[in-house]
Structures are given as C-alpha cells and as structure tokens.
C-alpha cells in the first residue's frame, strides 16, 4: 500500500448552504492548509492541489447511507461505546432529503475518484470519520468538549472549550501561521458567530489527523459497520473489558455471600445504635447488584478506567445509610461506630466541601470492617442532607442534564445546599431549646397496663434534663420492661430511681456519645435490679450486652 502524500480532513456540511472545514496535513503531521468552503465547487477547488496523488481523505459526514429509516448499524455500535462520553452520533438514513440521492460525501468521493472501501489498498482513498469520539481517545478526555453552539451555551463556555480543543490538536499537529490567526480570532471573538467560523476548520484538522492515525496505526483503530451498510473509522478505545469482565464474574460468583454479609452488617449497626439510645430516623442497607457493579467498574475518567482493580477499589459493594434528625446526631453516630467497630476510613464530605469555600454535598462516609477483609461503607447524614443528595444525584447522574444548563443547575444546587445547611443549624438550635419541654407522642390504648409512653417521655425529660430525645418507639419498648418489673406508675418509677442519684452512673458508664433518655433509664434499671433486669423476657435478645454493661457499672 502506497503511503499517502497528503491526509485531508473535511468537516463536510450535509447541505450546500452550511460551511465546510477543509484541512491538509503531511505524513509528518504538519499543517499545510486550513480553510472554510461552502459550495461543492469551492470544496473541489480547495482539494484539487492535494488529491491528484496518493491521499487519504477523512470525511466527517455519512459516506454510505442505505437504510431507509433510523440509524445505521455503525452509528448504533459507535454510540453504544461512546455514549458515556457524550459522543453519540446523529442518525442518518435515506428518508432524510440530504441522503435521498446518496449524500454529499458519497458524490464528492465519486467526483474525485476516491475509493471509499475502508480496507482498500489503493493510493487515493476516502473514509468516514467522526471527530467527537476521536478526541475522546486521542486526547484522553472524560467527555466531549462543548464548543459547538447550542441554546444555553454562552460565549465564554464556547470559547474556553474550543481553545482547549485547539491546545490538544497542537499536541499532535505542527501548526502554521494560519492556525495561529484562528487562535487569535477565538481569543478575541465578541460574538458566537465568530467562533463558528473557526470550529469547522478545527474539526477538519482533527479529521485529517484521524486519517493519518488510521493509516499509521491500524491495530489501534476501530471500524464500526461495513462497506455494505456504512461505516465510521475512529481511534479505538483501550480494551479494559478483560479486567472488568473478570472482576464482574468474580463479583457475581460472590454476590450471595455479599448479600448475607450486608444483612448482618445492617443488623449490627442497627443494634449498636439502639443499644446506645441514639435517636435516628432510619438505617437502611443494600448490596450493590451485579449490573450496578459492572456499570461502576466500567466508568472512565479522562479517557482511562476509573478503577484498575474494581473488586478492591469499589468500596461500596455493601452500603449502609443512617439518616438522623440533626447534625449533632451525625457526629454522635460516627463516634459511636468508631468506639464499637474498626473504622478504616472516615471522611466528612461536608467539611471537605466547606474547606473549599463552597456549599454542596454533605455526608459522613465511614468504611468499617465487619469481618476479615470485608468492609462496609456507612453513610451518615441528616434528613435535609439526604434530600439534597438524592435529588442532586438523580438530576445530575441519572437524569439528562443538558450541558447548556449545567452552570445554572450548579448555581441552584449550591444555593439549595447553603439554605439547607442553615436549616440544619436552626433545627439543632430548636431541638436544644425545646429538649426539656417537647415530648414525642405515641398513641397507647387506654386499657394498656404499661406506663403511657407520652407520660414516660415527659417524666424522663425532667429526670434526665441533659439527655437527648430517644426514638419514639423506644419509649413504648421500655414501658414493656417496666411492666415486667411490676412498675406501672410514675410514682413507683421515681421511688425505684431514687437510689441512683448517688450512684454516679454517667461517670461509671463514661458515655462517649450523647445517650438518649431511654438509654439513661435503661442503665439506671440495670444498676438497681442487676441480674434480674438482665433476665427479663424482653431483654433475652441482648442479655450478653447487658451483662457487659453491668460489669462496667459495678466497676
């Protein structure tokens, strides 16, 4: 195969009214020509000095279109691989007027006698290329650059993105003074239309380099589709499939064990919080599904795999989430877990965000060990932090946020985060002020012999004025234990607790977290009744824990 003397790039408008970028580089990737043309005659005149001898013309426009509707197989296959980089294709078919007679690129190739077979060995050839996916691979981008004009994209965004693309091009192509003039035009542009004049020419240079790349390194190039149904040639994505495939297979094989481990971890953390009397809204857990693990294992960053060892580096295979009412409860949960289990890592995402001088995602992320080599991610956040995080995640990552609205959405999410942080502070202040007066309400039938949980809550608020609220259901639960002890009135309870006033229970227990009122009562009853309290039917599920606490109380 004769090496081309010229590699020509055409960012070809589908119709004759739009501008077409024309670029030519030599085998050393030196820029020889770059310009804009419109009519077929103008394009032919620009090509004439370069297509008479060995050449490869790389055209950004459909060359072969035979499907009557929808997208070509090549477009579907390329979009499947590159959609995650926002580099999908536009559909082309003969139902569109531009391709009813074959299309502009097809006729251009025929006029110049160019062989359009991508596997041809002839000296004068043409291939179809697509700049967007090519830039992902060539320049290691995590997403396509947003330099194309669309509603909502302002001048500065378009300018910065186009200049970044030009910097990347300059890393692989030796440019000339014409190119430098284009750069100055971008830097000085006062209107979007002045950028549009340049972008087609930059795309044409990218096309020319893709042609050189495909000719020079065919083993690093992928051809989507075929000569019969249409094709697109582009630099190939790195093959991470083998590593990812093995990781997904291993994960699938161990998934049942992970689910069981996740259930045990959920039970463990819930029991730790309940034992400590921490007031929380909910504790939930999930084990990442095989499909979710596969999706995360395949994520890219700057054109490279985000995880080189997915099984080890993806640490939220088992995830728990603790939702609290106030920020102080978040801190209490984190301290409690650190006291009860091995915490491998502890990141306060809200503090990290604040240290950068901004508002945004706020949550406490802990990695805790629940077995040999097994870690669980525990996220702890307030109700308001949870609402913000869930909504933002759905919009930004699961939804389709238009790139032109990204800055406006960022601003709105930041505003909401700041307001919610203020609300969290106010809720904490309100709770602190009303702690002694406010009591939970739980409806209890009139014929229930237990102490009314509402009355018990009010009593404990006075008995333990410095204690926090307990979970509403815990007041009803400990009423049942009091009934087992034969205590059915507040007077009887007051008499029972009177000796504990001199026992210095808080000092003996050395609480490392703010215990709720029910936990304080629980310890007091244990101190008074000792083994009898441990052996109550209602305590059967936690007898070992109570005996450990009893030893602590005895000193």
Protein backbone atom coordinates (compact mmCIF):
# COMPACT_ATOMS: atom_id res chain seq x y z
CA UNK A 1 0.00 0.00 0.00
CA UNK A 2 1.38 3.36 -1.05
CA UNK A 3 1.61 5.84 1.79
CA UNK A 4 -0.47 8.97 1.19
CA UNK A 5 1.38 12.17 0.45
CA UNK A 6 -1.49 14.15 1.93
CA UNK A 7 -4.01 13.48 4.68
CA UNK A 8 -7.06 15.63 4.06
CA UNK A 9 -9.78 16.37 6.60
CA UNK A 10 -13.27 17.54 5.64
CA UNK A 11 -15.79 18.67 8.23
CA UNK A 12 -18.41 18.42 5.50
CA UNK A 13 -21.75 20.18 5.86
CA UNK A 14 -24.61 17.82 4.93
CA UNK A 15 -26.11 20.51 2.67
CA UNK A 16 -24.51 23.11 0.34
CA UNK A 17 -25.55 26.10 2.45
CA UNK A 18 -23.51 25.26 5.55
CA UNK A 19 -19.77 25.95 5.97
CA UNK A 20 -17.32 23.09 5.39
CA UNK A 21 -13.92 22.98 7.04
CA UNK A 22 -11.01 21.83 4.86
CA UNK A 23 -7.60 20.86 6.27
CA UNK A 24 -4.49 19.13 4.89
CA UNK A 25 -1.51 17.68 6.78
CA UNK A 26 1.52 15.82 5.50
CA UNK A 27 2.87 12.44 6.74
CA UNK A 28 4.78 14.27 9.49
CA UNK A 29 1.51 15.80 10.75
CA UNK A 30 2.50 19.30 9.61
CA UNK A 31 -0.43 21.54 8.77
CA UNK A 32 -0.33 22.57 5.10
CA UNK A 33 -3.76 24.08 4.61
CA UNK A 34 -6.85 25.01 6.61
CA UNK A 35 -9.85 26.98 5.37
CA UNK A 36 -13.65 27.16 5.11
CA UNK A 37 -15.68 26.49 1.96
CA UNK A 38 -19.39 26.25 1.14
CA UNK A 39 -20.32 25.13 -2.36
CA UNK A 40 -19.18 21.89 -3.98
CA UNK A 41 -17.20 23.92 -6.49
CA UNK A 42 -15.34 25.76 -3.74
CA UNK A 43 -14.59 22.50 -1.93
CA UNK A 44 -13.33 20.86 -5.14
CA UNK A 45 -11.06 23.82 -5.80
CA UNK A 46 -9.57 23.58 -2.29
CA UNK A 47 -8.96 19.83 -2.72
CA UNK A 48 -7.54 19.98 -6.24
CA UNK A 49 -3.86 20.61 -5.29
CA UNK A 50 -3.85 17.63 -2.90
CA UNK A 51 -5.99 14.80 -4.34
CA UNK A 52 -4.13 14.29 -7.62
CA UNK A 53 -1.56 11.98 -5.99
CA UNK A 54 -1.63 9.47 -3.12
CA UNK A 55 -4.04 10.78 -0.50
CA UNK A 56 -6.44 9.78 2.23
CA UNK A 57 -9.50 12.00 2.65
CA UNK A 58 -11.15 11.67 6.09
CA UNK A 59 -14.71 12.99 5.90
CA UNK A 60 -16.90 13.92 8.84
CA UNK A 61 -20.20 13.17 7.09
CA UNK A 62 -22.02 9.94 6.22
CA UNK A 63 -20.41 8.41 3.12
CA UNK A 64 -22.55 5.30 2.69
CA UNK A 65 -26.22 5.52 3.67
CA UNK A 66 -28.62 2.77 2.59
CA UNK A 67 -31.08 2.36 5.49
CA UNK A 68 -34.49 3.97 4.83
CA UNK A 69 -35.14 4.96 8.47
CA UNK A 70 -33.43 5.22 11.84
CA UNK A 71 -29.71 4.97 12.36
CA UNK A 72 -27.10 2.95 10.51
CA UNK A 73 -25.65 -0.10 12.31
CA UNK A 74 -22.31 1.72 12.51
CA UNK A 75 -23.92 4.66 14.30
CA UNK A 76 -25.64 2.39 16.80
CA UNK A 77 -22.45 0.46 17.56
CA UNK A 78 -20.30 3.57 17.96
CA UNK A 79 -22.90 5.29 20.13
CA UNK A 80 -23.07 2.24 22.41
CA UNK A 81 -19.32 2.51 23.11
CA UNK A 82 -19.05 6.30 23.27
CA UNK A 83 -22.38 7.46 24.69
CA UNK A 84 -20.90 7.55 28.20
CA UNK A 85 -18.53 10.22 26.90
CA UNK A 86 -21.46 12.18 25.39
CA UNK A 87 -20.11 11.31 21.94
CA UNK A 88 -23.08 9.57 20.35
CA UNK A 89 -23.91 10.02 16.67
CA UNK A 90 -26.78 11.67 14.82
CA UNK A 91 -28.96 9.26 12.81
CA UNK A 92 -28.62 9.26 9.05
CA UNK A 93 -30.96 7.49 6.61
CA UNK A 94 -32.29 7.81 3.08
CA UNK A 95 -35.54 9.17 4.46
CA UNK A 96 -33.72 12.44 5.03
CA UNK A 97 -33.51 14.71 1.98
CA UNK A 98 -29.72 15.07 2.34
CA UNK A 99 -29.22 11.34 1.67
CA UNK A 100 -32.06 10.57 -0.72
CA UNK A 101 -29.61 10.55 -3.64
CA UNK A 102 -26.67 9.08 -1.72
CA UNK A 103 -25.46 12.12 0.17
CA UNK A 104 -22.92 14.87 -0.40
CA UNK A 105 -19.90 12.89 0.83
CA UNK A 106 -20.66 9.97 -1.49
CA UNK A 107 -20.85 12.24 -4.53
CA UNK A 108 -17.68 14.10 -3.53
CA UNK A 109 -15.74 10.83 -3.37
CA UNK A 110 -17.04 9.76 -6.75
CA UNK A 111 -16.20 13.09 -8.38
CA UNK A 112 -12.59 12.75 -7.29
CA UNK A 113 -12.32 9.03 -7.98
CA UNK A 114 -11.64 8.13 -4.34
CA UNK A 115 -12.08 4.54 -3.19
CA UNK A 116 -14.43 4.52 -0.17
CA UNK A 117 -13.66 0.97 0.94
CA UNK A 118 -12.08 1.37 4.41
CA UNK A 119 -9.92 -1.70 3.79
CA UNK A 120 -8.75 -0.61 0.36
CA UNK A 121 -5.06 -0.58 -0.52
CA UNK A 122 -5.41 1.92 -3.31
CA UNK A 123 -3.37 5.12 -3.36
CA UNK A 124 -6.32 7.51 -3.39
CA UNK A 125 -8.92 6.77 -0.78
CA UNK A 126 -11.68 8.30 1.34
CA UNK A 127 -13.06 7.16 4.69
CA UNK A 128 -15.80 8.37 7.01
CA UNK A 129 -14.64 9.61 10.43
CA UNK A 130 -16.24 11.33 13.41
CA UNK A 131 -14.21 13.90 15.42
CA UNK A 132 -16.06 13.67 18.76
CA UNK A 133 -15.21 10.05 19.67
CA UNK A 134 -11.77 10.51 18.13
CA UNK A 135 -10.96 13.34 20.55
CA UNK A 136 -12.01 11.15 23.49
CA UNK A 137 -9.36 8.56 22.61
CA UNK A 138 -6.65 10.80 21.15
CA UNK A 139 -6.66 13.35 23.96
CA UNK A 140 -7.79 11.21 26.90
CA UNK A 141 -10.98 13.20 27.53
CA UNK A 142 -13.62 12.14 30.01
CA UNK A 143 -16.34 13.80 27.92
CA UNK A 144 -16.67 15.66 24.67
CA UNK A 145 -15.74 19.33 24.70
CA UNK A 146 -18.75 21.66 24.44
CA UNK A 147 -17.53 24.03 21.75
CA UNK A 148 -20.48 23.56 19.40
CA UNK A 149 -23.16 26.22 19.54
CA UNK A 150 -26.34 25.13 21.32
CA UNK A 151 -29.03 27.05 23.15
CA UNK A 152 -27.88 27.93 26.65
CA UNK A 153 -24.14 27.78 25.98
CA UNK A 154 -22.67 31.23 26.44
CA UNK A 155 -19.75 32.78 24.57
CA UNK A 156 -17.20 32.20 27.32
CA UNK A 157 -18.03 28.49 27.62
CA UNK A 158 -17.76 28.00 23.86
CA UNK A 159 -14.51 29.97 23.73
CA UNK A 160 -12.84 28.05 26.59
CA UNK A 161 -13.88 24.67 25.21
CA UNK A 162 -12.72 25.49 21.67
CA UNK A 163 -9.38 26.79 22.94
CA UNK A 164 -8.91 23.57 24.93
CA UNK A 165 -9.56 21.54 21.79
CA UNK A 166 -7.06 23.66 19.89
CA UNK A 167 -4.44 23.05 22.59
CA UNK A 168 -4.98 19.32 22.23
CA UNK A 169 -4.68 19.49 18.45
CA UNK A 170 -1.41 21.40 18.77
CA UNK A 171 -0.04 18.46 20.79
CA UNK A 172 -0.26 16.16 17.74
CA UNK A 173 -0.14 18.51 14.73
CA UNK A 174 2.56 21.04 13.86
CA UNK A 175 0.52 24.15 13.13
CA UNK A 176 1.24 27.18 10.93
CA UNK A 177 0.56 30.90 10.94
CA UNK A 178 -2.96 30.39 9.56
CA UNK A 179 -3.76 28.32 12.61
CA UNK A 180 -2.29 30.95 14.92
CA UNK A 181 -4.58 33.50 13.30
CA UNK A 182 -7.55 31.23 14.01
CA UNK A 183 -6.48 31.01 17.65
CA UNK A 184 -6.31 34.81 17.92
CA UNK A 185 -9.75 35.02 16.34
CA UNK A 186 -11.13 32.72 19.03
CA UNK A 187 -9.42 34.64 21.82
CA UNK A 188 -10.77 37.97 20.56
CA UNK A 189 -14.24 36.84 19.44
CA UNK A 190 -17.06 39.12 20.59
CA UNK A 191 -19.88 37.01 19.10
CA UNK A 192 -20.63 33.30 18.87
CA UNK A 193 -20.76 33.55 15.08
CA UNK A 194 -17.05 34.41 15.06
CA UNK A 195 -16.34 31.13 16.84
CA UNK A 196 -18.47 29.11 14.42
CA UNK A 197 -16.23 30.25 11.58
CA UNK A 198 -13.28 28.62 13.36
CA UNK A 199 -14.79 25.44 14.80
CA UNK A 200 -15.37 23.78 11.41
CA UNK A 201 -11.75 24.35 10.46
CA UNK A 202 -10.51 22.90 13.76
CA UNK A 203 -12.74 19.85 13.23
CA UNK A 204 -11.28 19.45 9.76
CA UNK A 205 -7.75 19.32 11.22
CA UNK A 206 -8.93 16.66 13.68
CA UNK A 207 -10.38 14.68 10.75
CA UNK A 208 -7.09 14.90 8.85
CA UNK A 209 -5.16 13.62 11.86
CA UNK A 210 -7.65 10.75 12.34
CA UNK A 211 -6.93 9.78 8.74
CA UNK A 212 -3.18 9.76 9.45
CA UNK A 213 -3.76 7.84 12.70
CA UNK A 214 -5.88 5.17 11.00
CA UNK A 215 -3.30 4.76 8.22
CA UNK A 216 -0.30 4.69 10.58
CA UNK A 217 -1.76 2.58 13.39
CA UNK A 218 -4.50 0.30 12.02
CA UNK A 219 -4.16 -2.01 15.04
CA UNK A 220 -5.23 0.88 17.28
CA UNK A 221 -8.17 1.81 15.08
CA UNK A 222 -11.75 0.54 15.06
CA UNK A 223 -14.06 0.48 12.06
CA UNK A 224 -17.69 0.41 13.13
CA UNK A 225 -20.02 -1.03 10.49
CA UNK A 226 -19.05 -2.18 7.00
CA UNK A 227 -18.93 -1.17 3.35
CA UNK A 228 -22.42 -2.52 2.72
CA UNK A 229 -24.36 -0.65 5.41
CA UNK A 230 -21.98 2.23 6.11
CA UNK A 231 -19.04 2.60 8.46
CA UNK A 232 -17.19 5.03 10.73
CA UNK A 233 -13.43 4.86 11.40
CA UNK A 234 -12.11 6.10 14.74
CA UNK A 235 -9.21 5.51 17.13
CA UNK A 236 -10.11 2.53 19.31
CA UNK A 237 -10.96 2.75 22.98
CA UNK A 238 -8.47 0.92 25.20
CA UNK A 239 -9.53 -2.66 25.89
CA UNK A 240 -10.38 -2.71 29.57
CA UNK A 241 -13.04 -5.35 29.00
CA UNK A 242 -10.86 -8.26 30.13
CA UNK A 243 -10.07 -6.79 33.56
CA UNK A 244 -13.63 -5.57 34.02
CA UNK A 245 -15.07 -8.87 32.82
CA UNK A 246 -13.05 -10.91 35.30
CA UNK A 247 -14.00 -8.58 38.15
CA UNK A 248 -17.70 -8.78 37.27
CA UNK A 249 -17.55 -12.57 37.07
CA UNK A 250 -15.90 -12.81 40.49
CA UNK A 251 -18.38 -10.35 41.94
CA UNK A 252 -21.33 -12.32 40.53
CA UNK A 253 -19.94 -15.54 42.00
CA UNK A 254 -19.66 -13.99 45.48
CA UNK A 255 -22.86 -11.95 45.34
CA UNK A 256 -24.98 -14.26 47.52
CA UNK A 257 -22.34 -14.12 50.24
CA UNK A 258 -22.20 -10.33 49.98
CA UNK A 259 -25.98 -10.08 50.38
CA UNK A 260 -25.80 -12.18 53.54
CA UNK A 261 -22.89 -10.08 54.84
CA UNK A 262 -24.87 -6.92 54.11
CA UNK A 263 -27.82 -8.16 56.14
CA UNK A 264 -25.53 -8.99 59.06
CA UNK A 265 -23.90 -5.55 58.83
CA UNK A 266 -27.31 -3.85 58.83
CA UNK A 267 -28.34 -5.78 61.93
CA UNK A 268 -25.05 -5.00 63.66
CA UNK A 269 -25.17 -1.23 63.08
CA UNK A 270 -28.86 -1.02 63.98
CA UNK A 271 -28.26 -2.90 67.24
CA UNK A 272 -25.29 -0.67 68.09
CA UNK A 273 -27.38 2.48 67.61
CA UNK A 274 -30.34 1.08 69.54
CA UNK A 275 -28.13 -0.14 72.36
CA UNK A 276 -26.62 3.33 72.64
CA UNK A 277 -30.01 5.03 72.57
CA UNK A 278 -29.12 7.18 69.57
CA UNK A 279 -32.12 8.92 68.03
CA UNK A 280 -32.23 8.29 64.27
CA UNK A 281 -34.81 8.30 61.51
CA UNK A 282 -33.75 5.16 59.64
CA UNK A 283 -30.99 2.67 58.99
CA UNK A 284 -31.08 1.04 55.58
CA UNK A 285 -28.72 -1.14 53.62
CA UNK A 286 -28.16 -2.58 50.20
CA UNK A 287 -25.71 -4.83 48.44
CA UNK A 288 -24.73 -3.48 45.02
CA UNK A 289 -26.32 -5.53 42.24
CA UNK A 290 -24.13 -7.27 39.69
CA UNK A 291 -25.30 -4.90 36.94
CA UNK A 292 -24.61 -1.85 39.12
CA UNK A 293 -21.14 -3.16 39.95
CA UNK A 294 -20.45 -3.78 36.25
CA UNK A 295 -21.53 -0.23 35.37
CA UNK A 296 -19.32 1.31 38.04
CA UNK A 297 -16.36 -0.93 37.18
CA UNK A 298 -16.56 0.30 33.59
CA UNK A 299 -16.53 4.03 34.39
CA UNK A 300 -13.89 6.19 32.77
CA UNK A 301 -12.10 9.34 33.93
CA UNK A 302 -10.10 11.43 31.49
CA UNK A 303 -10.37 8.63 28.96
CA UNK A 304 -8.94 5.99 31.32
CA UNK A 305 -10.57 3.38 33.56
CA UNK A 306 -11.54 4.84 36.90
CA UNK A 307 -10.74 1.53 38.65
CA UNK A 308 -7.70 -0.58 37.80
CA UNK A 309 -8.75 -3.21 40.38
CA UNK A 310 -12.56 -2.90 40.70
CA UNK A 311 -13.01 -5.62 43.33
CA UNK A 312 -10.59 -3.88 45.70
CA UNK A 313 -11.20 -0.23 44.81
CA UNK A 314 -15.01 -0.18 44.73
CA UNK A 315 -15.62 0.06 48.45
CA UNK A 316 -19.41 0.49 48.49
CA UNK A 317 -20.23 -3.06 47.42
CA UNK A 318 -22.09 -3.22 50.73
CA UNK A 319 -23.57 0.12 51.73
CA UNK A 320 -25.48 1.25 54.79
CA UNK A 321 -27.12 4.61 55.31
CA UNK A 322 -28.02 6.15 58.65
CA UNK A 323 -30.39 9.12 58.48
CA UNK A 324 -30.52 11.34 61.56
CA UNK A 325 -32.54 14.40 62.51
CA UNK A 326 -29.75 16.82 63.44
CA UNK A 327 -26.07 17.34 62.62
CA UNK A 328 -25.01 16.59 66.20
CA UNK A 329 -26.54 13.13 65.79
CA UNK A 330 -24.35 12.54 62.73
CA UNK A 331 -21.27 13.22 64.83
CA UNK A 332 -22.61 11.01 67.64
CA UNK A 333 -23.17 8.08 65.26
CA UNK A 334 -19.65 8.43 63.84
CA UNK A 335 -18.12 8.46 67.33
CA UNK A 336 -20.22 5.50 68.41
CA UNK A 337 -19.21 3.37 65.42
CA UNK A 338 -15.56 4.25 65.96
CA UNK A 339 -15.96 3.02 69.53
CA UNK A 340 -17.67 -0.26 68.60
CA UNK A 341 -16.10 -1.40 65.30
CA UNK A 342 -12.88 -0.91 63.34
CA UNK A 343 -13.17 2.23 61.19
CA UNK A 344 -10.78 2.00 58.24
CA UNK A 345 -11.58 5.45 56.84
CA UNK A 346 -13.68 8.41 57.94
CA UNK A 347 -14.41 11.28 55.55
CA UNK A 348 -16.57 14.26 56.41
CA UNK A 349 -17.67 15.29 52.92
CA UNK A 350 -19.44 18.38 54.21
CA UNK A 351 -16.26 19.60 55.92
CA UNK A 352 -14.24 18.92 52.77
CA UNK A 353 -16.74 20.94 50.73
CA UNK A 354 -16.68 23.79 53.24
CA UNK A 355 -12.87 23.82 53.27
CA UNK A 356 -13.03 24.66 49.57
CA UNK A 357 -15.16 27.69 50.36
CA UNK A 358 -18.38 26.39 48.86
CA UNK A 359 -21.69 24.68 49.65
CA UNK A 360 -22.63 21.27 48.27
CA UNK A 361 -22.72 17.59 49.12
CA UNK A 362 -22.58 16.92 52.86
CA UNK A 363 -22.40 13.44 54.37
CA UNK A 364 -20.15 11.44 56.68
CA UNK A 365 -18.61 8.44 54.91
CA UNK A 366 -17.11 5.71 57.05
CA UNK A 367 -15.50 2.46 55.92
CA UNK A 368 -15.88 -0.10 58.69
CA UNK A 369 -14.67 -3.67 58.96
CA UNK A 370 -17.34 -6.30 59.58
CA UNK A 371 -15.19 -9.37 59.03
CA UNK A 372 -11.79 -10.47 57.83
CA UNK A 373 -11.11 -8.47 54.67
CA UNK A 374 -14.74 -7.29 54.46
CA UNK A 375 -15.51 -3.57 54.56
CA UNK A 376 -18.83 -1.79 54.52
CA UNK A 377 -19.45 1.82 53.59
CA UNK A 378 -21.66 3.60 56.10
CA UNK A 379 -23.06 6.97 55.07
CA UNK A 380 -24.40 9.13 57.89
CA UNK A 381 -26.33 12.29 57.09
CA UNK A 382 -29.26 14.39 58.26
CA UNK A 383 -32.71 14.26 56.69
CA UNK A 384 -32.07 17.52 54.85
CA UNK A 385 -28.64 16.45 53.63
CA UNK A 386 -30.20 13.23 52.39
CA UNK A 387 -32.93 15.05 50.48
CA UNK A 388 -30.38 17.28 48.74
CA UNK A 389 -28.05 14.39 47.89
CA UNK A 390 -30.80 12.17 46.46
CA UNK A 391 -32.33 14.92 44.31
CA UNK A 392 -28.96 16.16 43.06
CA UNK A 393 -27.82 12.62 42.23
CA UNK A 394 -31.00 11.83 40.30
CA UNK A 395 -30.77 15.02 38.25
CA UNK A 396 -27.04 15.06 37.62
CA UNK A 397 -26.21 11.39 37.21
CA UNK A 398 -29.40 9.51 36.45
CA UNK A 399 -31.18 12.20 34.50
CA UNK A 400 -30.24 14.00 31.34
CA UNK A 401 -28.90 17.39 32.40
CA UNK A 402 -28.39 19.44 29.24
CA UNK A 403 -24.84 20.73 29.08
CA UNK A 404 -26.09 24.23 28.35
CA UNK A 405 -27.93 24.29 31.71
CA UNK A 406 -25.08 22.81 33.77
CA UNK A 407 -23.83 26.12 35.17
CA UNK A 408 -27.30 27.32 36.09
CA UNK A 409 -28.08 23.99 37.78
CA UNK A 410 -24.76 24.12 39.66
CA UNK A 411 -25.68 27.56 40.97
CA UNK A 412 -29.15 26.42 42.04
CA UNK A 413 -27.87 23.29 43.77
CA UNK A 414 -25.28 25.40 45.59
CA UNK A 415 -27.95 27.84 46.73
CA UNK A 416 -30.14 24.98 47.98
CA UNK A 417 -27.21 23.40 49.83
CA UNK A 418 -26.47 26.66 51.63
CA UNK A 419 -30.11 27.11 52.65
CA UNK A 420 -30.33 23.53 53.91
CA UNK A 421 -27.16 23.95 55.96
CA UNK A 422 -28.77 26.96 57.64
CA UNK A 423 -31.95 24.94 58.18
CA UNK A 424 -29.97 22.10 59.79
CA UNK A 425 -28.40 24.58 62.19
CA UNK A 426 -31.79 26.05 63.09
CA UNK A 427 -33.30 22.61 63.67
CA UNK A 428 -30.44 21.79 66.04
CA UNK A 429 -30.97 25.08 67.89
CA UNK A 430 -34.71 24.48 68.15
CA UNK A 431 -34.15 20.97 69.49
CA UNK A 432 -31.68 22.20 72.07
CA UNK A 433 -34.10 24.86 73.33
CA UNK A 434 -37.13 22.57 73.44
CA UNK A 435 -35.39 19.43 74.70
CA UNK A 436 -36.82 19.76 78.19
CA UNK A 437 -40.32 20.70 77.09
CA UNK A 438 -41.06 18.79 73.90
CA UNK A 439 -42.07 15.14 74.11
CA UNK A 440 -42.86 12.54 71.46
CA UNK A 441 -46.47 11.42 71.07
CA UNK A 442 -47.36 7.75 70.84
CA UNK A 443 -50.95 6.59 71.00
CA UNK A 444 -51.48 3.84 73.61
CA UNK A 445 -54.81 2.08 74.23
CA UNK A 446 -56.50 3.12 77.50
CA UNK A 447 -56.53 -0.45 78.82
CA UNK A 448 -52.77 -0.92 78.33
CA UNK A 449 -51.25 -1.57 81.79
CA UNK A 450 -47.92 -0.08 80.73
CA UNK A 451 -46.92 3.45 81.54
CA UNK A 452 -48.15 5.80 78.84
CA UNK A 453 -45.06 6.47 76.66
CA UNK A 454 -46.04 10.13 76.42
CA UNK A 455 -46.13 10.48 80.19
CA UNK A 456 -42.92 8.47 80.50
CA UNK A 457 -41.20 10.76 77.99
CA UNK A 458 -42.25 13.82 79.96
CA UNK A 459 -41.04 12.23 83.20
CA UNK A 460 -37.65 11.29 81.73
CA UNK A 461 -37.22 14.79 80.29
CA UNK A 462 -37.28 16.05 83.85
CA UNK A 463 -35.32 13.16 85.31
CA UNK A 464 -32.51 13.44 82.73
CA UNK A 465 -32.64 17.06 81.60
CA UNK A 466 -29.29 16.81 79.84
CA UNK A 467 -30.24 13.74 77.80
CA UNK A 468 -31.29 13.81 74.18
CA UNK A 469 -34.57 12.56 72.76
CA UNK A 470 -34.85 8.86 72.16
CA UNK A 471 -36.62 7.19 69.26
CA UNK A 472 -40.38 7.33 69.73
CA UNK A 473 -40.80 3.54 69.68
CA UNK A 474 -38.14 3.14 72.39
CA UNK A 475 -40.39 4.80 74.99
CA UNK A 476 -43.05 2.17 74.32
CA UNK A 477 -40.43 -0.57 74.38
CA UNK A 478 -39.02 0.30 77.80
CA UNK A 479 -42.56 0.70 79.16
CA UNK A 480 -42.89 -3.01 78.48
CA UNK A 481 -39.74 -3.74 80.51
CA UNK A 482 -41.07 -1.62 83.37
CA UNK A 483 -44.27 -3.67 83.30
CA UNK A 484 -42.21 -6.88 83.63
CA UNK A 485 -40.62 -5.34 86.71
CA UNK A 486 -44.08 -4.54 88.10
CA UNK A 487 -43.67 -0.78 87.72
CA UNK A 488 -46.95 0.68 86.42
CA UNK A 489 -46.92 4.24 87.76
CA UNK A 490 -44.58 7.21 87.63
CA UNK A 491 -44.51 7.34 91.44
CA UNK A 492 -43.25 3.75 91.55
CA UNK A 493 -40.65 4.59 88.91
CA UNK A 494 -39.49 7.64 90.87
CA UNK A 495 -39.07 5.55 94.00
CA UNK A 496 -37.14 2.93 92.02
CA UNK A 497 -34.74 5.50 90.59
CA UNK A 498 -34.14 7.42 93.82
CA UNK A 499 -31.08 5.34 94.87
CA UNK A 500 -29.38 6.00 91.51
CA UNK A 501 -28.99 9.69 92.36
CA UNK A 502 -25.85 8.86 94.32
CA UNK A 503 -24.50 6.11 92.05
CA UNK A 504 -22.74 8.43 89.57
CA UNK A 505 -23.94 6.29 86.70
CA UNK A 506 -22.77 8.67 83.96
CA UNK A 507 -19.24 8.64 85.35
CA UNK A 508 -19.22 4.85 85.59
CA UNK A 509 -20.54 4.39 82.05
CA UNK A 510 -18.20 7.09 80.68
CA UNK A 511 -20.51 7.85 77.75
CA UNK A 512 -18.56 8.77 74.62
CA UNK A 513 -21.69 9.92 72.79
CA UNK A 514 -24.86 11.73 73.94
CA UNK A 515 -27.16 8.96 75.24
CA UNK A 516 -30.90 9.35 74.86
CA UNK A 517 -33.26 9.46 77.82
CA UNK A 518 -34.33 5.83 77.33
CA UNK A 519 -30.70 4.66 77.40
CA UNK A 520 -30.16 6.58 80.64
CA UNK A 521 -33.22 4.87 82.17
CA UNK A 522 -32.06 1.51 80.83
CA UNK A 523 -28.71 1.86 82.62
CA UNK A 524 -30.42 3.04 85.81
CA UNK A 525 -32.73 0.00 85.87
CA UNK A 526 -29.73 -2.26 85.26
CA UNK A 527 -27.90 -0.67 88.16
CA UNK A 528 -30.86 -1.12 90.51
CA UNK A 529 -32.10 -4.61 89.54
CA UNK A 530 -28.81 -6.04 88.20
CA UNK A 531 -29.18 -9.72 87.13
CA UNK A 532 -32.96 -9.65 87.49
CA UNK A 533 -33.12 -6.94 84.85
CA UNK A 534 -30.81 -8.91 82.54
CA UNK A 535 -33.06 -11.97 82.78
CA UNK A 536 -36.28 -10.19 81.83
CA UNK A 537 -38.04 -11.81 78.89
CA UNK A 538 -37.90 -8.54 76.96
CA UNK A 539 -34.10 -8.47 77.31
CA UNK A 540 -33.42 -12.02 76.13
CA UNK A 541 -32.05 -10.82 72.78
CA UNK A 542 -29.44 -8.58 74.42
CA UNK A 543 -28.52 -10.37 77.64
CA UNK A 544 -24.76 -10.62 76.79
CA UNK A 545 -24.57 -6.88 76.11
CA UNK A 546 -26.38 -6.07 79.32
CA UNK A 547 -24.00 -8.24 81.34
CA UNK A 548 -21.05 -6.36 79.84
CA UNK A 549 -22.65 -3.08 80.88
CA UNK A 550 -23.41 -4.46 84.32
CA UNK A 551 -19.73 -5.27 84.83
CA UNK A 552 -18.90 -1.70 83.86
CA UNK A 553 -21.45 -0.35 86.35
CA UNK A 554 -20.01 -2.50 89.13
CA UNK A 555 -16.55 -1.11 88.40
